[in-house]
Amino acid sequence: MPYSHIPSRYVESVSTFLSGFLTPYPNDHRSCFFPEARLGEKGRQRRLYRNEHVSTPYERFKSIPDVERFLKSGLNFATLDIHALAMTGNQAVEPLNRERGKLFQRIRSKNAA
């Protein structure tokens, strides 16, 4: 999203983009490091970022013991997996970029008029 004010008349469009395209991408497809905390010398906590700790937030969430208790009622991992595994990361970024372009084009064209 831009680092500038978004007029209130675009709030609905931006909200639709955020919930429909932007939020699912990092949760399902964007890998990130999850630190391992260890006590170092002098009792300080040290964070280690190892390659074996790279995963998506969704994969990390699934790895929590007894994680099913955190899901909303009626929701299960079989349903979530269908959504998360429907596309690869590269396939998922294409509609994200396309919709972001449409949104910014709409905002620019209305601001220019």
PDB file of N, CA and C in Angstrom:
ATOM      1  N   MET A   1       0.839  -1.172   0.000  1.00  0.00           N
ATOM      2  CA  MET A   1       0.000   0.000   0.000  1.00  0.00           C
ATOM      3  C   MET A   1       0.887   1.239   0.000  1.00  0.00           C
ATOM      4  N   PRO A   2       0.384   2.331  -0.528  1.00  0.00           N
ATOM      5  CA  PRO A   2       1.206   3.537  -0.594  1.00  0.00           C
ATOM      6  C   PRO A   2       1.423   4.133   0.789  1.00  0.00           C
ATOM      7  N   TYR A   3       2.467   4.937   0.901  1.00  0.00           N
ATOM      8  CA  TYR A   3       2.760   5.607   2.156  1.00  0.00           C
ATOM      9  C   TYR A   3       2.129   6.996   2.172  1.00  0.00           C
ATOM     10  N   SER A   4       0.946   7.106   1.665  1.00  0.00           N
ATOM     11  CA  SER A   4       0.254   8.383   1.651  1.00  0.00           C
ATOM     12  C   SER A   4      -1.200   8.158   2.057  1.00  0.00           C
ATOM     13  N   HIS A   5      -1.878   9.264   2.288  1.00  0.00           N
ATOM     14  CA  HIS A   5      -3.272   9.206   2.710  1.00  0.00           C
ATOM     15  C   HIS A   5      -4.136   8.599   1.605  1.00  0.00           C
ATOM     16  N   ILE A   6      -5.037   7.717   1.992  1.00  0.00           N
ATOM     17  CA  ILE A   6      -5.995   7.146   1.051  1.00  0.00           C
ATOM     18  C   ILE A   6      -7.343   7.780   1.370  1.00  0.00           C
ATOM     19  N   PRO A   7      -7.935   8.502   0.411  1.00  0.00           N
ATOM     20  CA  PRO A   7      -9.227   9.151   0.671  1.00  0.00           C
ATOM     21  C   PRO A   7     -10.290   8.134   1.089  1.00  0.00           C
ATOM     22  N   SER A   8     -11.220   8.599   1.930  1.00  0.00           N
ATOM     23  CA  SER A   8     -12.223   7.709   2.506  1.00  0.00           C
ATOM     24  C   SER A   8     -13.107   7.049   1.453  1.00  0.00           C
ATOM     25  N   ARG A   9     -13.264   7.655   0.282  1.00  0.00           N
ATOM     26  CA  ARG A   9     -14.125   7.053  -0.743  1.00  0.00           C
ATOM     27  C   ARG A   9     -13.534   5.757  -1.310  1.00  0.00           C
ATOM     28  N   TYR A  10     -12.241   5.485  -1.024  1.00  0.00           N
ATOM     29  CA  TYR A  10     -11.596   4.258  -1.508  1.00  0.00           C
ATOM     30  C   TYR A  10     -11.467   3.186  -0.438  1.00  0.00           C
ATOM     31  N   VAL A  11     -11.979   3.455   0.743  1.00  0.00           N
ATOM     32  CA  VAL A  11     -11.820   2.518   1.861  1.00  0.00           C
ATOM     33  C   VAL A  11     -12.383   1.143   1.525  1.00  0.00           C
ATOM     34  N   GLU A  12     -13.548   1.095   0.936  1.00  0.00           N
ATOM     35  CA  GLU A  12     -14.155  -0.198   0.613  1.00  0.00           C
ATOM     36  C   GLU A  12     -13.306  -0.973  -0.399  1.00  0.00           C
ATOM     37  N   SER A  13     -12.808  -0.289  -1.430  1.00  0.00           N
ATOM     38  CA  SER A  13     -11.965  -0.950  -2.429  1.00  0.00           C
ATOM     39  C   SER A  13     -10.673  -1.453  -1.814  1.00  0.00           C
ATOM     40  N   VAL A  14     -10.062  -0.637  -0.976  1.00  0.00           N
ATOM     41  CA  VAL A  14      -8.806  -1.032  -0.325  1.00  0.00           C
ATOM     42  C   VAL A  14      -9.060  -2.194   0.629  1.00  0.00           C
ATOM     43  N   SER A  15     -10.131  -2.145   1.383  1.00  0.00           N
ATOM     44  CA  SER A  15     -10.459  -3.216   2.318  1.00  0.00           C
ATOM     45  C   SER A  15     -10.696  -4.536   1.581  1.00  0.00           C
ATOM     46  N   THR A  16     -11.396  -4.482   0.464  1.00  0.00           N
ATOM     47  CA  THR A  16     -11.643  -5.682  -0.342  1.00  0.00           C
ATOM     48  C   THR A  16     -10.325  -6.262  -0.845  1.00  0.00           C
ATOM     49  N   PHE A  17      -9.431  -5.392  -1.308  1.00  0.00           N
ATOM     50  CA  PHE A  17      -8.122  -5.844  -1.786  1.00  0.00           C
ATOM     51  C   PHE A  17      -7.320  -6.477  -0.651  1.00  0.00           C
ATOM     52  N   LEU A  18      -7.289  -5.819   0.497  1.00  0.00           N
ATOM     53  CA  LEU A  18      -6.509  -6.335   1.625  1.00  0.00           C
ATOM     54  C   LEU A  18      -7.002  -7.699   2.094  1.00  0.00           C
ATOM     55  N   SER A  19      -8.305  -7.841   2.268  1.00  0.00           N
ATOM     56  CA  SER A  19      -8.827  -9.111   2.784  1.00  0.00           C
ATOM     57  C   SER A  19      -8.887 -10.197   1.716  1.00  0.00           C
ATOM     58  N   GLY A  20      -9.101  -9.822   0.465  1.00  0.00           N
ATOM     59  CA  GLY A  20      -9.258 -10.823  -0.583  1.00  0.00           C
ATOM     60  C   GLY A  20      -7.976 -11.257  -1.247  1.00  0.00           C
ATOM     61  N   PHE A  21      -6.975 -10.370  -1.291  1.00  0.00           N
ATOM     62  CA  PHE A  21      -5.757 -10.699  -2.034  1.00  0.00           C
ATOM     63  C   PHE A  21      -4.487 -10.575  -1.207  1.00  0.00           C
ATOM     64  N   LEU A  22      -4.342  -9.483  -0.480  1.00  0.00           N
ATOM     65  CA  LEU A  22      -3.072  -9.254   0.204  1.00  0.00           C
ATOM     66  C   LEU A  22      -2.884 -10.144   1.427  1.00  0.00           C
ATOM     67  N   THR A  23      -3.858 -10.268   2.280  1.00  0.00           N
ATOM     68  CA  THR A  23      -3.709 -11.055   3.503  1.00  0.00           C
ATOM     69  C   THR A  23      -3.445 -12.535   3.240  1.00  0.00           C
ATOM     70  N   PRO A  24      -4.161 -13.181   2.325  1.00  0.00           N
ATOM     71  CA  PRO A  24      -3.870 -14.602   2.100  1.00  0.00           C
ATOM     72  C   PRO A  24      -2.467 -14.876   1.554  1.00  0.00           C
ATOM     73  N   TYR A  25      -1.904 -13.966   0.778  1.00  0.00           N
ATOM     74  CA  TYR A  25      -0.598 -14.224   0.166  1.00  0.00           C
ATOM     75  C   TYR A  25       0.496 -14.449   1.213  1.00  0.00           C
ATOM     76  N   PRO A  26       0.752 -13.516   2.142  1.00  0.00           N
ATOM     77  CA  PRO A  26       1.829 -13.783   3.097  1.00  0.00           C
ATOM     78  C   PRO A  26       1.528 -14.937   4.042  1.00  0.00           C
ATOM     79  N   ASN A  27       0.273 -15.148   4.386  1.00  0.00           N
ATOM     80  CA  ASN A  27      -0.055 -16.232   5.304  1.00  0.00           C
ATOM     81  C   ASN A  27       0.143 -17.605   4.678  1.00  0.00           C
ATOM     82  N   ASP A  28      -0.205 -17.735   3.415  1.00  0.00           N
ATOM     83  CA  ASP A  28      -0.160 -19.042   2.759  1.00  0.00           C
ATOM     84  C   ASP A  28       1.088 -19.291   1.923  1.00  0.00           C
ATOM     85  N   HIS A  29       1.732 -18.233   1.421  1.00  0.00           N
ATOM     86  CA  HIS A  29       2.779 -18.437   0.414  1.00  0.00           C
ATOM     87  C   HIS A  29       4.108 -17.755   0.695  1.00  0.00           C
ATOM     88  N   ARG A  30       4.151 -16.767   1.547  1.00  0.00           N
ATOM     89  CA  ARG A  30       5.387 -16.018   1.769  1.00  0.00           C
ATOM     90  C   ARG A  30       6.172 -16.628   2.915  1.00  0.00           C
ATOM     91  N   SER A  31       7.312 -17.195   2.615  1.00  0.00           N
ATOM     92  CA  SER A  31       8.139 -17.827   3.640  1.00  0.00           C
ATOM     93  C   SER A  31       8.854 -16.770   4.470  1.00  0.00           C
ATOM     94  N   CYS A  32       9.073 -17.088   5.735  1.00  0.00           N
ATOM     95  CA  CYS A  32       9.811 -16.181   6.598  1.00  0.00           C
ATOM     96  C   CYS A  32      10.548 -16.992   7.665  1.00  0.00           C
ATOM     97  N   PHE A  33      11.515 -16.349   8.277  1.00  0.00           N
ATOM     98  CA  PHE A  33      12.282 -16.996   9.335  1.00  0.00           C
ATOM     99  C   PHE A  33      11.527 -16.883  10.653  1.00  0.00           C
ATOM    100  N   PHE A  34      11.561 -17.940  11.433  1.00  0.00           N
ATOM    101  CA  PHE A  34      11.040 -17.920  12.784  1.00  0.00           C
ATOM    102  C   PHE A  34      12.225 -18.161  13.706  1.00  0.00           C
ATOM    103  N   PRO A  35      12.504 -17.234  14.610  1.00  0.00           N
ATOM    104  CA  PRO A  35      13.721 -17.333  15.423  1.00  0.00           C
ATOM    105  C   PRO A  35      13.641 -18.414  16.491  1.00  0.00           C
ATOM    106  N   GLU A  36      14.802 -18.889  16.842  1.00  0.00           N
ATOM    107  CA  GLU A  36      14.946 -19.822  17.952  1.00  0.00           C
ATOM    108  C   GLU A  36      15.614 -19.038  19.069  1.00  0.00           C
ATOM    109  N   ALA A  37      14.980 -18.947  20.214  1.00  0.00           N
ATOM    110  CA  ALA A  37      15.522 -18.175  21.330  1.00  0.00           C
ATOM    111  C   ALA A  37      16.408 -19.073  22.196  1.00  0.00           C
ATOM    112  N   ARG A  38      17.596 -18.569  22.502  1.00  0.00           N
ATOM    113  CA  ARG A  38      18.531 -19.290  23.374  1.00  0.00           C
ATOM    114  C   ARG A  38      19.160 -18.302  24.336  1.00  0.00           C
ATOM    115  N   LEU A  39      19.483 -18.807  25.507  1.00  0.00           N
ATOM    116  CA  LEU A  39      20.198 -17.969  26.451  1.00  0.00           C
ATOM    117  C   LEU A  39      21.679 -18.022  26.128  1.00  0.00           C
ATOM    118  N   GLY A  40      22.260 -16.874  25.962  1.00  0.00           N
ATOM    119  CA  GLY A  40      23.676 -16.790  25.650  1.00  0.00           C
ATOM    120  C   GLY A  40      24.479 -16.511  26.897  1.00  0.00           C
ATOM    121  N   GLU A  41      25.719 -16.125  26.667  1.00  0.00           N
ATOM    122  CA  GLU A  41      26.571 -15.745  27.784  1.00  0.00           C
ATOM    123  C   GLU A  41      25.952 -14.542  28.479  1.00  0.00           C
ATOM    124  N   LYS A  42      26.201 -14.419  29.729  1.00  0.00           N
ATOM    125  CA  LYS A  42      25.692 -13.316  30.545  1.00  0.00           C
ATOM    126  C   LYS A  42      24.170 -13.352  30.693  1.00  0.00           C
ATOM    127  N   GLY A  43      23.535 -14.482  30.362  1.00  0.00           N
ATOM    128  CA  GLY A  43      22.105 -14.628  30.567  1.00  0.00           C
ATOM    129  C   GLY A  43      21.228 -13.859  29.595  1.00  0.00           C
ATOM    130  N   ARG A  44      21.801 -13.327  28.551  1.00  0.00           N
ATOM    131  CA  ARG A  44      21.009 -12.599  27.562  1.00  0.00           C
ATOM    132  C   ARG A  44      20.339 -13.570  26.601  1.00  0.00           C
ATOM    133  N   GLN A  45      19.140 -13.197  26.207  1.00  0.00           N
ATOM    134  CA  GLN A  45      18.428 -14.019  25.230  1.00  0.00           C
ATOM    135  C   GLN A  45      18.949 -13.689  23.833  1.00  0.00           C
ATOM    136  N   ARG A  46      19.253 -14.730  23.093  1.00  0.00           N
ATOM    137  CA  ARG A  46      19.782 -14.564  21.745  1.00  0.00           C
ATOM    138  C   ARG A  46      18.856 -15.251  20.771  1.00  0.00           C
ATOM    139  N   ARG A  47      18.592 -14.618  19.652  1.00  0.00           N
ATOM    140  CA  ARG A  47      17.719 -15.207  18.634  1.00  0.00           C
ATOM    141  C   ARG A  47      18.576 -15.730  17.487  1.00  0.00           C
ATOM    142  N   LEU A  48      18.334 -16.981  17.149  1.00  0.00           N
ATOM    143  CA  LEU A  48      19.043 -17.594  16.027  1.00  0.00           C
ATOM    144  C   LEU A  48      18.064 -17.797  14.885  1.00  0.00           C
ATOM    145  N   TYR A  49      18.447 -17.382  13.700  1.00  0.00           N
ATOM    146  CA  TYR A  49      17.610 -17.529  12.512  1.00  0.00           C
ATOM    147  C   TYR A  49      18.261 -18.583  11.620  1.00  0.00           C
ATOM    148  N   ARG A  50      17.713 -19.781  11.653  1.00  0.00           N
ATOM    149  CA  ARG A  50      18.296 -20.902  10.909  1.00  0.00           C
ATOM    150  C   ARG A  50      17.435 -21.248   9.702  1.00  0.00           C
ATOM    151  N   ASN A  51      18.081 -21.754   8.676  1.00  0.00           N
ATOM    152  CA  ASN A  51      17.364 -22.115   7.450  1.00  0.00           C
ATOM    153  C   ASN A  51      16.295 -23.173   7.691  1.00  0.00           C
ATOM    154  N   GLU A  52      16.515 -24.063   8.639  1.00  0.00           N
ATOM    155  CA  GLU A  52      15.504 -25.094   8.892  1.00  0.00           C
ATOM    156  C   GLU A  52      14.266 -24.544   9.601  1.00  0.00           C
ATOM    157  N   HIS A  53      14.312 -23.290  10.022  1.00  0.00           N
ATOM    158  CA  HIS A  53      13.155 -22.659  10.654  1.00  0.00           C
ATOM    159  C   HIS A  53      12.390 -21.744   9.704  1.00  0.00           C
ATOM    160  N   VAL A  54      12.628 -21.882   8.425  1.00  0.00           N
ATOM    161  CA  VAL A  54      11.901 -21.088   7.429  1.00  0.00           C
ATOM    162  C   VAL A  54      10.607 -21.806   7.083  1.00  0.00           C
ATOM    163  N   SER A  55       9.509 -21.081   7.177  1.00  0.00           N
ATOM    164  CA  SER A  55       8.211 -21.634   6.786  1.00  0.00           C
ATOM    165  C   SER A  55       7.227 -20.485   6.614  1.00  0.00           C
ATOM    166  N   THR A  56       6.061 -20.814   6.110  1.00  0.00           N
ATOM    167  CA  THR A  56       5.015 -19.794   6.001  1.00  0.00           C
ATOM    168  C   THR A  56       4.312 -19.687   7.355  1.00  0.00           C
ATOM    169  N   PRO A  57       3.664 -18.566   7.628  1.00  0.00           N
ATOM    170  CA  PRO A  57       2.918 -18.469   8.880  1.00  0.00           C
ATOM    171  C   PRO A  57       1.872 -19.588   9.032  1.00  0.00           C
ATOM    172  N   TYR A  58       1.244 -19.976   7.919  1.00  0.00           N
ATOM    173  CA  TYR A  58       0.254 -21.058   7.988  1.00  0.00           C
ATOM    174  C   TYR A  58       0.913 -22.373   8.399  1.00  0.00           C
ATOM    175  N   GLU A  59       2.068 -22.700   7.820  1.00  0.00           N
ATOM    176  CA  GLU A  59       2.774 -23.930   8.196  1.00  0.00           C
ATOM    177  C   GLU A  59       3.197 -23.886   9.663  1.00  0.00           C
ATOM    178  N   ARG A  60       3.651 -22.731  10.096  1.00  0.00           N
ATOM    179  CA  ARG A  60       4.074 -22.579  11.490  1.00  0.00           C
ATOM    180  C   ARG A  60       2.877 -22.738  12.434  1.00  0.00           C
ATOM    181  N   PHE A  61       1.749 -22.163  12.055  1.00  0.00           N
ATOM    182  CA  PHE A  61       0.534 -22.292  12.861  1.00  0.00           C
ATOM    183  C   PHE A  61       0.137 -23.759  12.995  1.00  0.00           C
ATOM    184  N   LYS A  62       0.208 -24.502  11.889  1.00  0.00           N
ATOM    185  CA  LYS A  62      -0.163 -25.919  11.925  1.00  0.00           C
ATOM    186  C   LYS A  62       0.764 -26.739  12.813  1.00  0.00           C
ATOM    187  N   SER A  63       1.981 -26.260  13.031  1.00  0.00           N
ATOM    188  CA  SER A  63       2.946 -27.024  13.826  1.00  0.00           C
ATOM    189  C   SER A  63       2.753 -26.866  15.331  1.00  0.00           C
ATOM    190  N   ILE A  64       1.868 -25.990  15.750  1.00  0.00           N
ATOM    191  CA  ILE A  64       1.607 -25.786  17.177  1.00  0.00           C
ATOM    192  C   ILE A  64       0.883 -27.026  17.724  1.00  0.00           C
ATOM    193  N   PRO A  65       1.328 -27.553  18.862  1.00  0.00           N
ATOM    194  CA  PRO A  65       0.634 -28.707  19.443  1.00  0.00           C
ATOM    195  C   PRO A  65      -0.818 -28.369  19.802  1.00  0.00           C
ATOM    196  N   ASP A  66      -1.711 -29.276  19.506  1.00  0.00           N
ATOM    197  CA  ASP A  66      -3.145 -29.135  19.809  1.00  0.00           C
ATOM    198  C   ASP A  66      -3.739 -27.849  19.221  1.00  0.00           C
ATOM    199  N   VAL A  67      -3.311 -27.532  17.998  1.00  0.00           N
ATOM    200  CA  VAL A  67      -3.699 -26.274  17.358  1.00  0.00           C
ATOM    201  C   VAL A  67      -5.174 -26.228  16.973  1.00  0.00           C
ATOM    202  N   GLU A  68      -5.812 -27.366  16.842  1.00  0.00           N
ATOM    203  CA  GLU A  68      -7.217 -27.389  16.434  1.00  0.00           C
ATOM    204  C   GLU A  68      -8.123 -26.593  17.376  1.00  0.00           C
ATOM    205  N   ARG A  69      -7.719 -26.463  18.615  1.00  0.00           N
ATOM    206  CA  ARG A  69      -8.551 -25.726  19.573  1.00  0.00           C
ATOM    207  C   ARG A  69      -8.587 -24.231  19.278  1.00  0.00           C
ATOM    208  N   PHE A  70      -7.660 -23.741  18.439  1.00  0.00           N
ATOM    209  CA  PHE A  70      -7.634 -22.322  18.091  1.00  0.00           C
ATOM    210  C   PHE A  70      -8.473 -22.000  16.849  1.00  0.00           C
ATOM    211  N   LEU A  71      -8.919 -23.027  16.144  1.00  0.00           N
ATOM    212  CA  LEU A  71      -9.713 -22.801  14.934  1.00  0.00           C
ATOM    213  C   LEU A  71     -11.152 -22.447  15.287  1.00  0.00           C
ATOM    214  N   LYS A  72     -11.764 -21.644  14.447  1.00  0.00           N
ATOM    215  CA  LYS A  72     -13.178 -21.328  14.630  1.00  0.00           C
ATOM    216  C   LYS A  72     -13.982 -22.603  14.472  1.00  0.00           C
ATOM    217  N   SER A  73     -15.144 -22.660  15.111  1.00  0.00           N
ATOM    218  CA  SER A  73     -15.962 -23.864  14.997  1.00  0.00           C
ATOM    219  C   SER A  73     -16.397 -24.042  13.538  1.00  0.00           C
ATOM    220  N   GLY A  74     -16.394 -25.276  13.089  1.00  0.00           N
ATOM    221  CA  GLY A  74     -16.754 -25.589  11.711  1.00  0.00           C
ATOM    222  C   GLY A  74     -15.601 -25.486  10.740  1.00  0.00           C
ATOM    223  N   LEU A  75     -14.427 -25.047  11.207  1.00  0.00           N
ATOM    224  CA  LEU A  75     -13.258 -24.909  10.343  1.00  0.00           C
ATOM    225  C   LEU A  75     -12.269 -26.010  10.680  1.00  0.00           C
ATOM    226  N   ASN A  76     -11.645 -26.582   9.661  1.00  0.00           N
ATOM    227  CA  ASN A  76     -10.648 -27.618   9.896  1.00  0.00           C
ATOM    228  C   ASN A  76      -9.491 -27.449   8.918  1.00  0.00           C
ATOM    229  N   PHE A  77      -8.412 -28.179   9.167  1.00  0.00           N
ATOM    230  CA  PHE A  77      -7.225 -28.021   8.328  1.00  0.00           C
ATOM    231  C   PHE A  77      -7.413 -28.601   6.932  1.00  0.00           C
ATOM    232  N   ALA A  78      -8.304 -29.539   6.763  1.00  0.00           N
ATOM    233  CA  ALA A  78      -8.562 -30.063   5.418  1.00  0.00           C
ATOM    234  C   ALA A  78      -9.086 -28.937   4.520  1.00  0.00           C
ATOM    235  N   THR A  79      -9.989 -28.135   5.041  1.00  0.00           N
ATOM    236  CA  THR A  79     -10.538 -27.004   4.288  1.00  0.00           C
ATOM    237  C   THR A  79      -9.472 -25.935   4.065  1.00  0.00           C
ATOM    238  N   LEU A  80      -8.717 -25.617   5.099  1.00  0.00           N
ATOM    239  CA  LEU A  80      -7.674 -24.597   4.981  1.00  0.00           C
ATOM    240  C   LEU A  80      -6.571 -25.035   4.027  1.00  0.00           C
ATOM    241  N   ASP A  81      -6.226 -26.325   4.046  1.00  0.00           N
ATOM    242  CA  ASP A  81      -5.196 -26.836   3.136  1.00  0.00           C
ATOM    243  C   ASP A  81      -5.608 -26.697   1.679  1.00  0.00           C
ATOM    244  N   ILE A  82      -6.867 -26.914   1.386  1.00  0.00           N
ATOM    245  CA  ILE A  82      -7.340 -26.770   0.006  1.00  0.00           C
ATOM    246  C   ILE A  82      -7.064 -25.356  -0.486  1.00  0.00           C
ATOM    247  N   HIS A  83      -7.361 -24.380   0.351  1.00  0.00           N
ATOM    248  CA  HIS A  83      -7.138 -22.979  -0.016  1.00  0.00           C
ATOM    249  C   HIS A  83      -5.642 -22.668  -0.111  1.00  0.00           C
ATOM    250  N   ALA A  84      -4.872 -23.105   0.884  1.00  0.00           N
ATOM    251  CA  ALA A  84      -3.450 -22.770   0.943  1.00  0.00           C
ATOM    252  C   ALA A  84      -2.640 -23.458  -0.157  1.00  0.00           C
ATOM    253  N   LEU A  85      -3.034 -24.659  -0.535  1.00  0.00           N
ATOM    254  CA  LEU A  85      -2.257 -25.427  -1.505  1.00  0.00           C
ATOM    255  C   LEU A  85      -2.809 -25.342  -2.926  1.00  0.00           C
ATOM    256  N   ALA A  86      -3.815 -24.511  -3.131  1.00  0.00           N
ATOM    257  CA  ALA A  86      -4.417 -24.396  -4.464  1.00  0.00           C
ATOM    258  C   ALA A  86      -3.443 -23.804  -5.477  1.00  0.00           C
ATOM    259  N   MET A  87      -2.514 -22.967  -5.019  1.00  0.00           N
ATOM    260  CA  MET A  87      -1.547 -22.325  -5.909  1.00  0.00           C
ATOM    261  C   MET A  87      -0.169 -22.337  -5.266  1.00  0.00           C
ATOM    262  N   THR A  88       0.845 -22.234  -6.118  1.00  0.00           N
ATOM    263  CA  THR A  88       2.199 -22.045  -5.614  1.00  0.00           C
ATOM    264  C   THR A  88       2.357 -20.567  -5.268  1.00  0.00           C
ATOM    265  N   GLY A  89       3.459 -20.221  -4.629  1.00  0.00           N
ATOM    266  CA  GLY A  89       3.711 -18.825  -4.293  1.00  0.00           C
ATOM    267  C   GLY A  89       3.768 -17.937  -5.520  1.00  0.00           C
ATOM    268  N   ASN A  90       4.431 -18.411  -6.575  1.00  0.00           N
ATOM    269  CA  ASN A  90       4.520 -17.621  -7.805  1.00  0.00           C
ATOM    270  C   ASN A  90       3.168 -17.470  -8.485  1.00  0.00           C
ATOM    271  N   GLN A  91       2.354 -18.492  -8.439  1.00  0.00           N
ATOM    272  CA  GLN A  91       1.011 -18.395  -9.021  1.00  0.00           C
ATOM    273  C   GLN A  91       0.133 -17.452  -8.206  1.00  0.00           C
ATOM    274  N   ALA A  92       0.304 -17.435  -6.898  1.00  0.00           N
ATOM    275  CA  ALA A  92      -0.531 -16.609  -6.030  1.00  0.00           C
ATOM    276  C   ALA A  92      -0.196 -15.126  -6.138  1.00  0.00           C
ATOM    277  N   VAL A  93       1.050 -14.810  -6.472  1.00  0.00           N
ATOM    278  CA  VAL A  93       1.437 -13.406  -6.543  1.00  0.00           C
ATOM    279  C   VAL A  93       0.899 -12.732  -7.813  1.00  0.00           C
ATOM    280  N   GLU A  94       0.608 -13.495  -8.851  1.00  0.00           N
ATOM    281  CA  GLU A  94       0.093 -12.907 -10.098  1.00  0.00           C
ATOM    282  C   GLU A  94      -1.247 -12.194  -9.897  1.00  0.00           C
ATOM    283  N   PRO A  95      -2.286 -12.848  -9.328  1.00  0.00           N
ATOM    284  CA  PRO A  95      -3.534 -12.115  -9.105  1.00  0.00           C
ATOM    285  C   PRO A  95      -3.373 -10.977  -8.090  1.00  0.00           C
ATOM    286  N   LEU A  96      -2.478 -11.148  -7.124  1.00  0.00           N
ATOM    287  CA  LEU A  96      -2.221 -10.088  -6.157  1.00  0.00           C
ATOM    288  C   LEU A  96      -1.712  -8.835  -6.864  1.00  0.00           C
ATOM    289  N   ASN A  97      -0.702  -8.997  -7.707  1.00  0.00           N
ATOM    290  CA  ASN A  97      -0.150  -7.851  -8.431  1.00  0.00           C
ATOM    291  C   ASN A  97      -1.149  -7.262  -9.418  1.00  0.00           C
ATOM    292  N   ARG A  98      -1.921  -8.104 -10.068  1.00  0.00           N
ATOM    293  CA  ARG A  98      -2.921  -7.627 -11.021  1.00  0.00           C
ATOM    294  C   ARG A  98      -3.974  -6.773 -10.320  1.00  0.00           C
ATOM    295  N   GLU A  99      -4.487  -7.264  -9.191  1.00  0.00           N
ATOM    296  CA  GLU A  99      -5.511  -6.529  -8.453  1.00  0.00           C
ATOM    297  C   GLU A  99      -4.952  -5.265  -7.810  1.00  0.00           C
ATOM    298  N   ARG A 100      -3.698  -5.312  -7.358  1.00  0.00           N
ATOM    299  CA  ARG A 100      -3.079  -4.112  -6.804  1.00  0.00           C
ATOM    300  C   ARG A 100      -2.949  -3.046  -7.888  1.00  0.00           C
ATOM    301  N   GLY A 101      -2.555  -3.458  -9.095  1.00  0.00           N
ATOM    302  CA  GLY A 101      -2.464  -2.523 -10.217  1.00  0.00           C
ATOM    303  C   GLY A 101      -3.811  -1.898 -10.546  1.00  0.00           C
ATOM    304  N   LYS A 102      -4.862  -2.717 -10.554  1.00  0.00           N
ATOM    305  CA  LYS A 102      -6.205  -2.198 -10.824  1.00  0.00           C
ATOM    306  C   LYS A 102      -6.632  -1.196  -9.760  1.00  0.00           C
ATOM    307  N   LEU A 103      -6.378  -1.526  -8.502  1.00  0.00           N
ATOM    308  CA  LEU A 103      -6.757  -0.647  -7.399  1.00  0.00           C
ATOM    309  C   LEU A 103      -6.035   0.691  -7.506  1.00  0.00           C
ATOM    310  N   PHE A 104      -4.714   0.662  -7.705  1.00  0.00           N
ATOM    311  CA  PHE A 104      -3.955   1.911  -7.793  1.00  0.00           C
ATOM    312  C   PHE A 104      -4.338   2.708  -9.028  1.00  0.00           C
ATOM    313  N   GLN A 105      -4.637   2.033 -10.115  1.00  0.00           N
ATOM    314  CA  GLN A 105      -5.073   2.726 -11.332  1.00  0.00           C
ATOM    315  C   GLN A 105      -6.398   3.453 -11.070  1.00  0.00           C
ATOM    316  N   ARG A 106      -7.309   2.787 -10.385  1.00  0.00           N
ATOM    317  CA  ARG A 106      -8.603   3.383 -10.060  1.00  0.00           C
ATOM    318  C   ARG A 106      -8.412   4.620  -9.161  1.00  0.00           C
ATOM    319  N   ILE A 107      -7.540   4.506  -8.166  1.00  0.00           N
ATOM    320  CA  ILE A 107      -7.303   5.627  -7.255  1.00  0.00           C
ATOM    321  C   ILE A 107      -6.638   6.776  -8.003  1.00  0.00           C
ATOM    322  N   ARG A 108      -5.631   6.472  -8.834  1.00  0.00           N
ATOM    323  CA  ARG A 108      -4.935   7.531  -9.590  1.00  0.00           C
ATOM    324  C   ARG A 108      -5.871   8.230 -10.568  1.00  0.00           C
ATOM    325  N   SER A 109      -6.700   7.465 -11.277  1.00  0.00           N
ATOM    326  CA  SER A 109      -7.565   8.075 -12.290  1.00  0.00           C
ATOM    327  C   SER A 109      -8.631   8.955 -11.657  1.00  0.00           C
ATOM    328  N   LYS A 110      -9.136   8.581 -10.494  1.00  0.00           N
ATOM    329  CA  LYS A 110     -10.160   9.394  -9.830  1.00  0.00           C
ATOM    330  C   LYS A 110      -9.527  10.624  -9.169  1.00  0.00           C
ATOM    331  N   ASN A 111      -8.284  10.506  -8.717  1.00  0.00           N
ATOM    332  CA  ASN A 111      -7.611  11.660  -8.115  1.00  0.00           C
ATOM    333  C   ASN A 111      -7.187  12.670  -9.174  1.00  0.00           C
ATOM    334  N   ALA A 112      -6.907  12.196 -10.380  1.00  0.00           N
ATOM    335  CA  ALA A 112      -6.480  13.092 -11.457  1.00  0.00           C
ATOM    336  C   ALA A 112      -7.656  13.890 -11.983  1.00  0.00           C
ATOM    337  N   ALA A 113      -8.868  13.336 -11.885  1.00  0.00           N
ATOM    338  CA  ALA A 113     -10.045  14.017 -12.445  1.00  0.00           C
ATOM    339  C   ALA A 113     -10.528  15.151 -11.582  1.00  0.00           C
TER     340      ALA A 113
END
